[in-house]
N, C-alpha and C. Protein backbone atom coordinates (compact mmCIF):
# COMPACT_ATOMS: atom_id res chain seq x y z
N GLN A 1 -0.75 -12.22 -7.62
CA GLN A 1 0.48 -12.43 -6.87
C GLN A 1 1.68 -12.31 -7.78
N ALA A 2 2.85 -12.19 -7.20
CA ALA A 2 4.06 -11.91 -7.96
C ALA A 2 4.49 -13.08 -8.84
N GLY A 3 4.37 -14.30 -8.35
CA GLY A 3 4.71 -15.47 -9.16
C GLY A 3 6.11 -15.41 -9.73
N ASP A 4 6.27 -15.89 -10.97
CA ASP A 4 7.59 -15.96 -11.59
C ASP A 4 8.18 -14.60 -11.90
N GLY A 5 7.37 -13.56 -11.96
CA GLY A 5 7.88 -12.23 -12.26
C GLY A 5 8.89 -11.73 -11.24
N ILE A 6 8.95 -12.37 -10.09
CA ILE A 6 9.87 -11.95 -9.04
C ILE A 6 11.32 -12.05 -9.51
N ARG A 7 11.59 -12.93 -10.46
CA ARG A 7 12.95 -13.04 -10.99
C ARG A 7 13.40 -11.76 -11.69
N ASP A 8 12.46 -10.90 -12.05
CA ASP A 8 12.81 -9.62 -12.68
C ASP A 8 13.72 -8.80 -11.78
N ILE A 9 13.66 -9.02 -10.49
CA ILE A 9 14.46 -8.24 -9.55
C ILE A 9 15.91 -8.72 -9.57
N GLN A 10 16.18 -9.92 -10.06
CA GLN A 10 17.53 -10.45 -10.20
C GLN A 10 18.31 -10.38 -8.90
N CYS A 11 17.82 -11.08 -7.93
CA CYS A 11 18.43 -11.07 -6.61
C CYS A 11 18.93 -12.47 -6.25
N ASP A 12 20.01 -12.53 -5.52
CA ASP A 12 20.52 -13.78 -4.97
C ASP A 12 19.62 -14.16 -3.81
N TRP A 13 18.82 -15.19 -4.00
CA TRP A 13 17.79 -15.53 -3.02
C TRP A 13 18.35 -16.15 -1.75
N SER A 14 19.66 -16.41 -1.68
CA SER A 14 20.25 -16.86 -0.42
C SER A 14 20.62 -15.67 0.46
N SER A 15 20.43 -14.48 -0.07
CA SER A 15 20.75 -13.26 0.67
C SER A 15 19.61 -12.87 1.60
N ASP A 16 19.95 -12.05 2.60
CA ASP A 16 18.93 -11.37 3.38
C ASP A 16 18.56 -10.14 2.57
N VAL A 17 17.29 -9.96 2.26
CA VAL A 17 16.88 -8.87 1.38
C VAL A 17 16.06 -7.86 2.16
N CYS A 18 16.47 -6.63 2.04
CA CYS A 18 15.82 -5.52 2.71
C CYS A 18 15.36 -4.54 1.65
N SER A 19 14.21 -3.92 1.84
CA SER A 19 13.74 -2.94 0.87
C SER A 19 13.46 -1.61 1.54
N SER A 20 13.46 -0.58 0.72
CA SER A 20 13.08 0.75 1.14
C SER A 20 12.31 1.38 0.00
N ASP A 21 11.27 2.09 0.33
CA ASP A 21 10.40 2.67 -0.69
C ASP A 21 10.19 4.14 -0.35
N LEU A 22 10.49 5.00 -1.29
CA LEU A 22 10.25 6.42 -1.09
C LEU A 22 10.05 7.07 -2.44
N ARG A 23 9.73 8.32 -2.43
CA ARG A 23 9.61 9.05 -3.69
C ARG A 23 11.01 9.49 -4.11
N PRO A 24 11.26 9.58 -5.41
CA PRO A 24 12.61 9.94 -5.87
C PRO A 24 12.89 11.44 -5.77
N GLU A 25 12.56 12.02 -4.64
CA GLU A 25 12.81 13.44 -4.40
C GLU A 25 13.94 13.54 -3.38
N ILE A 26 14.88 14.39 -3.63
CA ILE A 26 16.05 14.49 -2.76
C ILE A 26 15.66 14.85 -1.33
N ARG A 27 14.60 15.63 -1.13
CA ARG A 27 14.22 16.01 0.23
C ARG A 27 13.65 14.84 1.02
N LYS A 28 13.19 13.80 0.33
CA LYS A 28 12.72 12.59 1.02
C LYS A 28 13.88 11.66 1.37
N TRP A 29 15.02 11.85 0.71
CA TRP A 29 16.18 10.98 0.94
C TRP A 29 16.66 11.13 2.37
N SER A 30 17.03 10.03 2.98
CA SER A 30 17.45 10.04 4.38
C SER A 30 18.96 9.95 4.51
N ALA A 31 19.55 10.98 5.05
CA ALA A 31 21.00 10.95 5.32
C ALA A 31 21.31 9.88 6.35
N ARG A 32 20.40 9.66 7.30
CA ARG A 32 20.63 8.64 8.34
C ARG A 32 20.75 7.25 7.71
N LEU A 33 19.87 6.92 6.79
CA LEU A 33 19.94 5.62 6.13
C LEU A 33 21.20 5.52 5.27
N GLU A 34 21.55 6.60 4.62
CA GLU A 34 22.75 6.61 3.78
C GLU A 34 24.00 6.33 4.62
N VAL A 35 24.07 6.91 5.81
CA VAL A 35 25.20 6.67 6.72
C VAL A 35 25.15 5.23 7.26
N ALA A 36 23.95 4.71 7.43
CA ALA A 36 23.80 3.35 7.97
C ALA A 36 24.17 2.26 6.97
N LEU A 37 24.04 2.52 5.67
CA LEU A 37 24.24 1.46 4.68
C LEU A 37 25.56 0.71 4.80
N PRO A 38 26.72 1.38 4.84
CA PRO A 38 27.96 0.59 4.94
C PRO A 38 28.03 -0.22 6.23
N LYS A 39 27.48 0.31 7.29
CA LYS A 39 27.45 -0.42 8.56
C LYS A 39 26.50 -1.62 8.48
N LEU A 40 25.38 -1.45 7.79
CA LEU A 40 24.45 -2.57 7.59
C LEU A 40 25.11 -3.67 6.77
N PHE A 41 25.82 -3.29 5.71
CA PHE A 41 26.48 -4.28 4.86
C PHE A 41 27.60 -5.02 5.61
N ARG A 42 28.29 -4.33 6.51
CA ARG A 42 29.32 -5.00 7.31
C ARG A 42 28.70 -5.93 8.35
N ALA A 43 27.61 -5.50 8.96
CA ALA A 43 26.98 -6.29 10.02
C ALA A 43 26.22 -7.50 9.48
N ILE A 44 25.70 -7.39 8.26
CA ILE A 44 24.90 -8.46 7.66
C ILE A 44 25.55 -8.81 6.32
N PRO A 45 26.50 -9.73 6.31
CA PRO A 45 27.30 -10.00 5.12
C PRO A 45 26.50 -10.37 3.87
N ASN A 46 25.35 -11.02 4.02
CA ASN A 46 24.56 -11.43 2.86
C ASN A 46 23.47 -10.42 2.48
N LEU A 47 23.51 -9.24 3.05
CA LEU A 47 22.45 -8.27 2.81
C LEU A 47 22.46 -7.75 1.37
N ARG A 48 21.29 -7.71 0.79
CA ARG A 48 21.04 -7.02 -0.48
C ARG A 48 19.94 -6.00 -0.17
N PHE A 49 20.02 -4.83 -0.76
CA PHE A 49 19.09 -3.75 -0.45
C PHE A 49 18.37 -3.32 -1.73
N ILE A 50 17.06 -3.40 -1.74
CA ILE A 50 16.25 -2.97 -2.88
C ILE A 50 15.68 -1.60 -2.56
N PHE A 51 15.98 -0.63 -3.40
CA PHE A 51 15.35 0.68 -3.30
C PHE A 51 14.29 0.75 -4.38
N GLN A 52 13.04 0.96 -3.98
CA GLN A 52 11.96 1.03 -4.97
C GLN A 52 12.02 2.35 -5.74
N ALA A 53 12.48 3.38 -5.12
CA ALA A 53 12.62 4.67 -5.80
C ALA A 53 13.75 5.42 -5.11
N VAL A 54 14.59 6.04 -5.90
CA VAL A 54 15.73 6.75 -5.33
C VAL A 54 16.07 7.91 -6.27
N PRO A 55 16.43 9.07 -5.73
CA PRO A 55 16.84 10.17 -6.60
C PRO A 55 18.00 9.74 -7.50
N GLU A 56 18.00 10.20 -8.73
CA GLU A 56 18.98 9.74 -9.72
C GLU A 56 20.43 9.93 -9.28
N THR A 57 20.74 11.06 -8.66
CA THR A 57 22.12 11.26 -8.21
C THR A 57 22.50 10.25 -7.13
N LYS A 58 21.58 9.92 -6.28
CA LYS A 58 21.83 8.92 -5.24
C LYS A 58 21.93 7.52 -5.86
N ARG A 59 21.12 7.25 -6.87
CA ARG A 59 21.16 5.95 -7.55
C ARG A 59 22.56 5.67 -8.08
N ARG A 60 23.11 6.64 -8.79
CA ARG A 60 24.45 6.45 -9.37
C ARG A 60 25.49 6.21 -8.27
N ALA A 61 25.40 6.97 -7.20
CA ALA A 61 26.36 6.83 -6.10
C ALA A 61 26.21 5.46 -5.41
N LEU A 62 24.99 5.03 -5.18
CA LEU A 62 24.75 3.73 -4.55
C LEU A 62 25.29 2.59 -5.41
N GLU A 63 24.98 2.64 -6.69
CA GLU A 63 25.43 1.57 -7.58
C GLU A 63 26.95 1.56 -7.70
N ARG A 64 27.57 2.72 -7.73
CA ARG A 64 29.03 2.81 -7.80
C ARG A 64 29.66 2.28 -6.51
N GLU A 65 29.11 2.65 -5.37
CA GLU A 65 29.67 2.29 -4.08
C GLU A 65 29.44 0.82 -3.70
N TYR A 66 28.24 0.30 -3.99
CA TYR A 66 27.87 -1.01 -3.47
C TYR A 66 27.63 -2.07 -4.54
N GLY A 67 27.70 -1.69 -5.80
CA GLY A 67 27.56 -2.68 -6.88
C GLY A 67 26.27 -3.45 -6.80
N ASP A 68 26.38 -4.79 -6.91
CA ASP A 68 25.16 -5.60 -6.95
C ASP A 68 24.54 -5.84 -5.58
N ARG A 69 25.06 -5.21 -4.54
CA ARG A 69 24.42 -5.32 -3.22
C ARG A 69 23.21 -4.40 -3.12
N VAL A 70 23.08 -3.46 -4.07
CA VAL A 70 21.89 -2.61 -4.13
C VAL A 70 21.19 -2.84 -5.47
N ILE A 71 19.89 -2.81 -5.40
CA ILE A 71 19.05 -2.91 -6.59
C ILE A 71 18.17 -1.67 -6.56
N CYS A 72 18.31 -0.82 -7.55
CA CYS A 72 17.53 0.41 -7.61
C CYS A 72 16.44 0.24 -8.66
N ARG A 73 15.21 0.14 -8.22
CA ARG A 73 14.08 -0.03 -9.12
C ARG A 73 13.47 1.33 -9.43
N GLU A 74 12.81 1.40 -10.54
CA GLU A 74 12.17 2.64 -10.97
C GLU A 74 10.98 2.97 -10.07
N PRO A 75 10.73 4.26 -9.85
CA PRO A 75 9.52 4.63 -9.11
C PRO A 75 8.29 4.15 -9.88
N THR A 76 7.30 3.69 -9.15
CA THR A 76 6.08 3.21 -9.80
C THR A 76 4.92 3.25 -8.81
N SER A 77 3.72 3.33 -9.36
CA SER A 77 2.52 3.15 -8.56
C SER A 77 1.81 1.86 -8.98
N ASP A 78 2.45 1.10 -9.88
CA ASP A 78 1.90 -0.17 -10.35
C ASP A 78 1.97 -1.19 -9.21
N ILE A 79 0.84 -1.67 -8.75
CA ILE A 79 0.78 -2.55 -7.58
C ILE A 79 1.54 -3.85 -7.83
N TYR A 80 1.56 -4.34 -9.06
CA TYR A 80 2.30 -5.56 -9.36
C TYR A 80 3.79 -5.33 -9.16
N GLN A 81 4.32 -4.23 -9.65
CA GLN A 81 5.74 -3.92 -9.49
C GLN A 81 6.09 -3.69 -8.02
N LEU A 82 5.21 -3.02 -7.30
CA LEU A 82 5.44 -2.83 -5.86
C LEU A 82 5.42 -4.18 -5.14
N ALA A 83 4.48 -5.04 -5.53
CA ALA A 83 4.38 -6.36 -4.91
C ALA A 83 5.66 -7.16 -5.13
N LEU A 84 6.28 -7.02 -6.30
CA LEU A 84 7.54 -7.73 -6.55
C LEU A 84 8.59 -7.34 -5.52
N THR A 85 8.68 -6.06 -5.23
CA THR A 85 9.66 -5.59 -4.24
C THR A 85 9.35 -6.16 -2.87
N TYR A 86 8.10 -6.06 -2.45
CA TYR A 86 7.73 -6.53 -1.12
C TYR A 86 7.89 -8.04 -0.98
N VAL A 87 7.47 -8.79 -1.98
CA VAL A 87 7.55 -10.25 -1.91
C VAL A 87 9.01 -10.71 -1.92
N ALA A 88 9.88 -9.97 -2.58
CA ALA A 88 11.30 -10.32 -2.64
C ALA A 88 12.02 -10.01 -1.34
N SER A 89 11.40 -9.24 -0.47
CA SER A 89 12.08 -8.73 0.73
C SER A 89 11.80 -9.58 1.97
N ASP A 90 12.79 -9.59 2.85
CA ASP A 90 12.65 -10.24 4.15
C ASP A 90 12.21 -9.24 5.22
N LEU A 91 12.54 -7.99 5.00
CA LEU A 91 12.17 -6.93 5.93
C LEU A 91 12.26 -5.60 5.20
N MET A 92 11.71 -4.57 5.83
CA MET A 92 11.78 -3.23 5.24
C MET A 92 12.43 -2.29 6.24
N ILE A 93 13.35 -1.49 5.72
CA ILE A 93 13.89 -0.37 6.49
C ILE A 93 13.40 0.88 5.79
N HIS A 94 12.73 1.74 6.54
CA HIS A 94 12.20 2.96 5.94
C HIS A 94 12.67 4.16 6.73
N SER A 95 13.21 5.11 6.00
CA SER A 95 13.65 6.35 6.61
C SER A 95 13.40 7.47 5.61
N SER A 96 12.91 8.58 6.09
CA SER A 96 12.64 9.73 5.23
C SER A 96 13.25 10.97 5.85
N GLY A 97 13.88 11.76 5.03
CA GLY A 97 14.50 12.99 5.52
C GLY A 97 13.50 13.98 6.09
N ILE A 98 12.22 13.84 5.73
CA ILE A 98 11.21 14.78 6.22
C ILE A 98 10.11 14.08 7.01
N GLY A 99 10.32 12.81 7.34
CA GLY A 99 9.29 12.08 8.06
C GLY A 99 8.14 11.70 7.15
N GLU A 100 7.08 11.18 7.74
CA GLU A 100 5.90 10.74 6.99
C GLU A 100 4.64 11.35 7.58
N SER A 101 3.79 11.87 6.70
CA SER A 101 2.50 12.38 7.17
C SER A 101 1.49 11.23 7.31
N PHE A 102 1.69 10.15 6.57
CA PHE A 102 0.91 8.93 6.78
C PHE A 102 1.79 7.69 6.76
N GLY A 103 2.60 7.49 5.74
CA GLY A 103 3.46 6.32 5.66
C GLY A 103 2.84 5.19 4.87
N LEU A 104 2.31 5.51 3.68
CA LEU A 104 1.65 4.51 2.86
C LEU A 104 2.56 3.32 2.56
N CYS A 105 3.81 3.59 2.20
CA CYS A 105 4.70 2.46 1.86
C CYS A 105 4.96 1.59 3.09
N VAL A 106 4.96 2.16 4.27
CA VAL A 106 5.12 1.37 5.49
C VAL A 106 3.90 0.46 5.66
N ALA A 107 2.70 1.01 5.48
CA ALA A 107 1.48 0.21 5.58
C ALA A 107 1.44 -0.88 4.51
N GLU A 108 1.90 -0.56 3.30
CA GLU A 108 1.94 -1.57 2.23
C GLU A 108 2.88 -2.71 2.59
N ALA A 109 4.06 -2.38 3.06
CA ALA A 109 5.02 -3.43 3.45
C ALA A 109 4.44 -4.31 4.55
N MET A 110 3.78 -3.69 5.51
CA MET A 110 3.15 -4.45 6.58
C MET A 110 2.07 -5.37 6.01
N TYR A 111 1.28 -4.87 5.08
CA TYR A 111 0.24 -5.67 4.45
C TYR A 111 0.83 -6.92 3.78
N PHE A 112 2.03 -6.77 3.24
CA PHE A 112 2.71 -7.90 2.60
C PHE A 112 3.46 -8.77 3.61
N GLY A 113 3.28 -8.50 4.91
CA GLY A 113 3.84 -9.35 5.94
C GLY A 113 5.30 -9.10 6.26
N LEU A 114 5.76 -7.88 6.03
CA LEU A 114 7.15 -7.56 6.34
C LEU A 114 7.27 -6.87 7.69
N PRO A 115 8.23 -7.28 8.50
CA PRO A 115 8.56 -6.46 9.67
C PRO A 115 9.21 -5.18 9.14
N VAL A 116 8.95 -4.06 9.80
CA VAL A 116 9.43 -2.77 9.30
C VAL A 116 10.25 -2.07 10.39
N ILE A 117 11.38 -1.54 9.96
CA ILE A 117 12.21 -0.72 10.84
C ILE A 117 12.09 0.72 10.35
N VAL A 118 11.68 1.61 11.22
CA VAL A 118 11.56 3.04 10.88
C VAL A 118 12.35 3.85 11.90
N ASP A 119 12.67 5.06 11.52
CA ASP A 119 13.31 5.95 12.50
C ASP A 119 12.33 7.04 12.91
N SER A 120 12.47 7.45 14.13
CA SER A 120 11.64 8.51 14.68
C SER A 120 12.17 9.86 14.22
N THR A 121 11.25 10.72 13.80
CA THR A 121 11.60 12.09 13.38
C THR A 121 10.69 13.06 14.12
N PRO A 122 10.84 13.18 15.43
CA PRO A 122 9.88 13.91 16.25
C PRO A 122 9.74 15.39 15.92
N SER A 123 10.74 16.01 15.34
CA SER A 123 10.61 17.44 15.01
C SER A 123 10.01 17.64 13.61
N LEU A 124 9.70 16.54 12.92
CA LEU A 124 9.10 16.58 11.58
C LEU A 124 7.83 15.75 11.62
N ASP A 125 7.25 15.49 10.44
CA ASP A 125 6.15 14.53 10.40
C ASP A 125 6.66 13.21 10.95
N ASN A 126 5.83 12.51 11.72
CA ASN A 126 6.33 11.34 12.43
C ASN A 126 5.30 10.19 12.44
N ALA A 127 4.44 10.12 11.42
CA ALA A 127 3.39 9.11 11.40
C ALA A 127 3.93 7.69 11.37
N GLN A 128 5.14 7.51 10.86
CA GLN A 128 5.70 6.17 10.77
C GLN A 128 5.77 5.47 12.14
N VAL A 129 5.97 6.23 13.20
CA VAL A 129 6.05 5.60 14.53
C VAL A 129 4.66 5.21 15.06
N GLU A 130 3.62 5.74 14.44
CA GLU A 130 2.27 5.33 14.80
C GLU A 130 1.86 4.05 14.08
N LEU A 131 2.49 3.78 12.94
CA LEU A 131 2.18 2.57 12.18
C LEU A 131 2.92 1.35 12.72
N VAL A 132 4.18 1.53 13.06
CA VAL A 132 5.01 0.41 13.52
C VAL A 132 4.95 0.33 15.05
N LYS A 133 4.52 -0.82 15.55
CA LYS A 133 4.50 -1.06 17.00
C LYS A 133 5.86 -1.64 17.38
N ASN A 134 6.63 -0.84 18.09
CA ASN A 134 8.00 -1.22 18.44
C ASN A 134 8.03 -2.55 19.20
N GLY A 135 8.81 -3.50 18.66
CA GLY A 135 8.93 -4.81 19.28
C GLY A 135 7.78 -5.74 19.01
N VAL A 136 6.84 -5.32 18.14
CA VAL A 136 5.67 -6.16 17.81
C VAL A 136 5.56 -6.35 16.30
N THR A 137 5.58 -5.26 15.55
CA THR A 137 5.50 -5.34 14.08
C THR A 137 6.81 -4.92 13.42
N GLY A 138 7.77 -4.55 14.23
CA GLY A 138 9.06 -4.08 13.73
C GLY A 138 9.74 -3.29 14.83
N TYR A 139 10.57 -2.35 14.41
CA TYR A 139 11.30 -1.54 15.38
C TYR A 139 11.26 -0.07 14.99
N VAL A 140 11.18 0.79 16.00
CA VAL A 140 11.33 2.23 15.85
C VAL A 140 12.70 2.56 16.44
N VAL A 141 13.56 3.16 15.62
CA VAL A 141 14.92 3.44 16.06
C VAL A 141 15.16 4.95 16.03
N LYS A 142 16.25 5.36 16.68
CA LYS A 142 16.56 6.79 16.77
C LYS A 142 17.95 7.13 16.27
N SER A 143 18.63 6.13 15.68
CA SER A 143 20.02 6.36 15.30
C SER A 143 20.46 5.38 14.22
N VAL A 144 21.62 5.65 13.65
CA VAL A 144 22.24 4.72 12.71
C VAL A 144 22.49 3.39 13.41
N ALA A 145 23.03 3.43 14.61
CA ALA A 145 23.29 2.20 15.37
C ALA A 145 21.99 1.43 15.60
N GLY A 146 20.90 2.14 15.80
CA GLY A 146 19.60 1.50 15.98
C GLY A 146 19.16 0.75 14.73
N PHE A 147 19.35 1.37 13.55
CA PHE A 147 19.04 0.68 12.29
C PHE A 147 19.84 -0.61 12.19
N VAL A 148 21.14 -0.52 12.44
CA VAL A 148 22.02 -1.67 12.28
C VAL A 148 21.64 -2.78 13.27
N SER A 149 21.45 -2.43 14.52
CA SER A 149 21.10 -3.41 15.54
C SER A 149 19.77 -4.10 15.22
N ALA A 150 18.76 -3.33 14.87
CA ALA A 150 17.44 -3.89 14.58
C ALA A 150 17.48 -4.78 13.34
N ALA A 151 18.15 -4.32 12.29
CA ALA A 151 18.23 -5.12 11.06
C ALA A 151 19.00 -6.40 11.30
N GLN A 152 20.08 -6.32 12.06
CA GLN A 152 20.87 -7.51 12.35
C GLN A 152 20.05 -8.51 13.16
N ARG A 153 19.31 -8.03 14.13
CA ARG A 153 18.46 -8.90 14.95
C ARG A 153 17.44 -9.63 14.07
N LEU A 154 16.81 -8.92 13.15
CA LEU A 154 15.81 -9.55 12.29
C LEU A 154 16.45 -10.46 11.25
N ALA A 155 17.61 -10.07 10.72
CA ALA A 155 18.29 -10.90 9.71
C ALA A 155 18.73 -12.22 10.32
N GLU A 156 19.13 -12.21 11.56
CA GLU A 156 19.66 -13.40 12.22
C GLU A 156 18.58 -14.31 12.81
N ASN A 157 17.34 -13.81 12.89
CA ASN A 157 16.31 -14.57 13.58
C ASN A 157 15.06 -14.69 12.70
N GLU A 158 15.01 -15.75 11.92
CA GLU A 158 13.89 -15.94 11.00
C GLU A 158 12.55 -16.03 11.72
N SER A 159 12.52 -16.70 12.87
CA SER A 159 11.24 -16.84 13.58
C SER A 159 10.75 -15.48 14.08
N LEU A 160 11.66 -14.61 14.50
CA LEU A 160 11.27 -13.26 14.91
C LEU A 160 10.74 -12.46 13.72
N ARG A 161 11.43 -12.59 12.57
CA ARG A 161 10.94 -11.92 11.34
C ARG A 161 9.53 -12.38 11.02
N GLN A 162 9.30 -13.68 11.10
CA GLN A 162 7.98 -14.22 10.78
C GLN A 162 6.94 -13.75 11.79
N GLU A 163 7.29 -13.75 13.06
CA GLU A 163 6.37 -13.29 14.11
C GLU A 163 5.98 -11.82 13.89
N PHE A 164 6.99 -10.97 13.72
CA PHE A 164 6.73 -9.54 13.48
C PHE A 164 5.95 -9.35 12.18
N GLY A 165 6.34 -10.09 11.13
CA GLY A 165 5.67 -9.98 9.84
C GLY A 165 4.21 -10.38 9.91
N SER A 166 3.92 -11.46 10.63
CA SER A 166 2.52 -11.90 10.79
C SER A 166 1.70 -10.85 11.53
N GLN A 167 2.27 -10.29 12.58
CA GLN A 167 1.57 -9.25 13.33
C GLN A 167 1.40 -7.99 12.49
N ALA A 168 2.43 -7.65 11.71
CA ALA A 168 2.35 -6.48 10.82
C ALA A 168 1.22 -6.65 9.81
N LYS A 169 1.13 -7.84 9.22
CA LYS A 169 0.08 -8.11 8.24
C LYS A 169 -1.31 -8.01 8.89
N ALA A 170 -1.45 -8.59 10.06
CA ALA A 170 -2.74 -8.53 10.76
C ALA A 170 -3.11 -7.09 11.08
N ASP A 171 -2.15 -6.31 11.56
CA ASP A 171 -2.43 -4.89 11.86
C ASP A 171 -2.83 -4.12 10.62
N ALA A 172 -2.11 -4.34 9.52
CA ALA A 172 -2.42 -3.64 8.27
C ALA A 172 -3.81 -4.03 7.76
N GLN A 173 -4.14 -5.30 7.82
CA GLN A 173 -5.46 -5.73 7.36
C GLN A 173 -6.57 -5.17 8.23
N GLN A 174 -6.33 -5.08 9.53
CA GLN A 174 -7.34 -4.55 10.44
C GLN A 174 -7.50 -3.03 10.30
N ASN A 175 -6.41 -2.33 10.12
CA ASN A 175 -6.46 -0.87 10.18
C ASN A 175 -6.50 -0.17 8.83
N PHE A 176 -6.16 -0.84 7.78
CA PHE A 176 -6.10 -0.15 6.48
C PHE A 176 -6.89 -0.92 5.45
């Protein structure tokens, strides 16, 4: 388990913490999530966003624009480092510019008991909508406004986060 190593993330633990995990390839980067970020920060004043992997050009822009409200961690396949991100998070928002053929990071977040918000990409790979049961383990959204609304709902309602997270964990344990 993550234990004391979680402090490595250097996060204000009174914040609502959201994570996103992707490969640091620009084609995986989501323009929809990028447009949603300022709206998410306005809607959820205590939000901190952990990116487990982000393209270097985007990393610099995020850190310049949002300062300590974003934490950009290095890409890794080390399960301990991934666990630190998941354990530090209250929920996961996942969006990919090309969709997901499976959605391993979504399944991992669910395994760690996180409710997950994903966007539908019907003209691309779209496996993420098969992993997340809308209104049960998280939310499937179709727009920037959908990301903001779903994240705000989960940030404001701890019991809903726990309910979705428990169901997400059970689904991940049963199916993966």
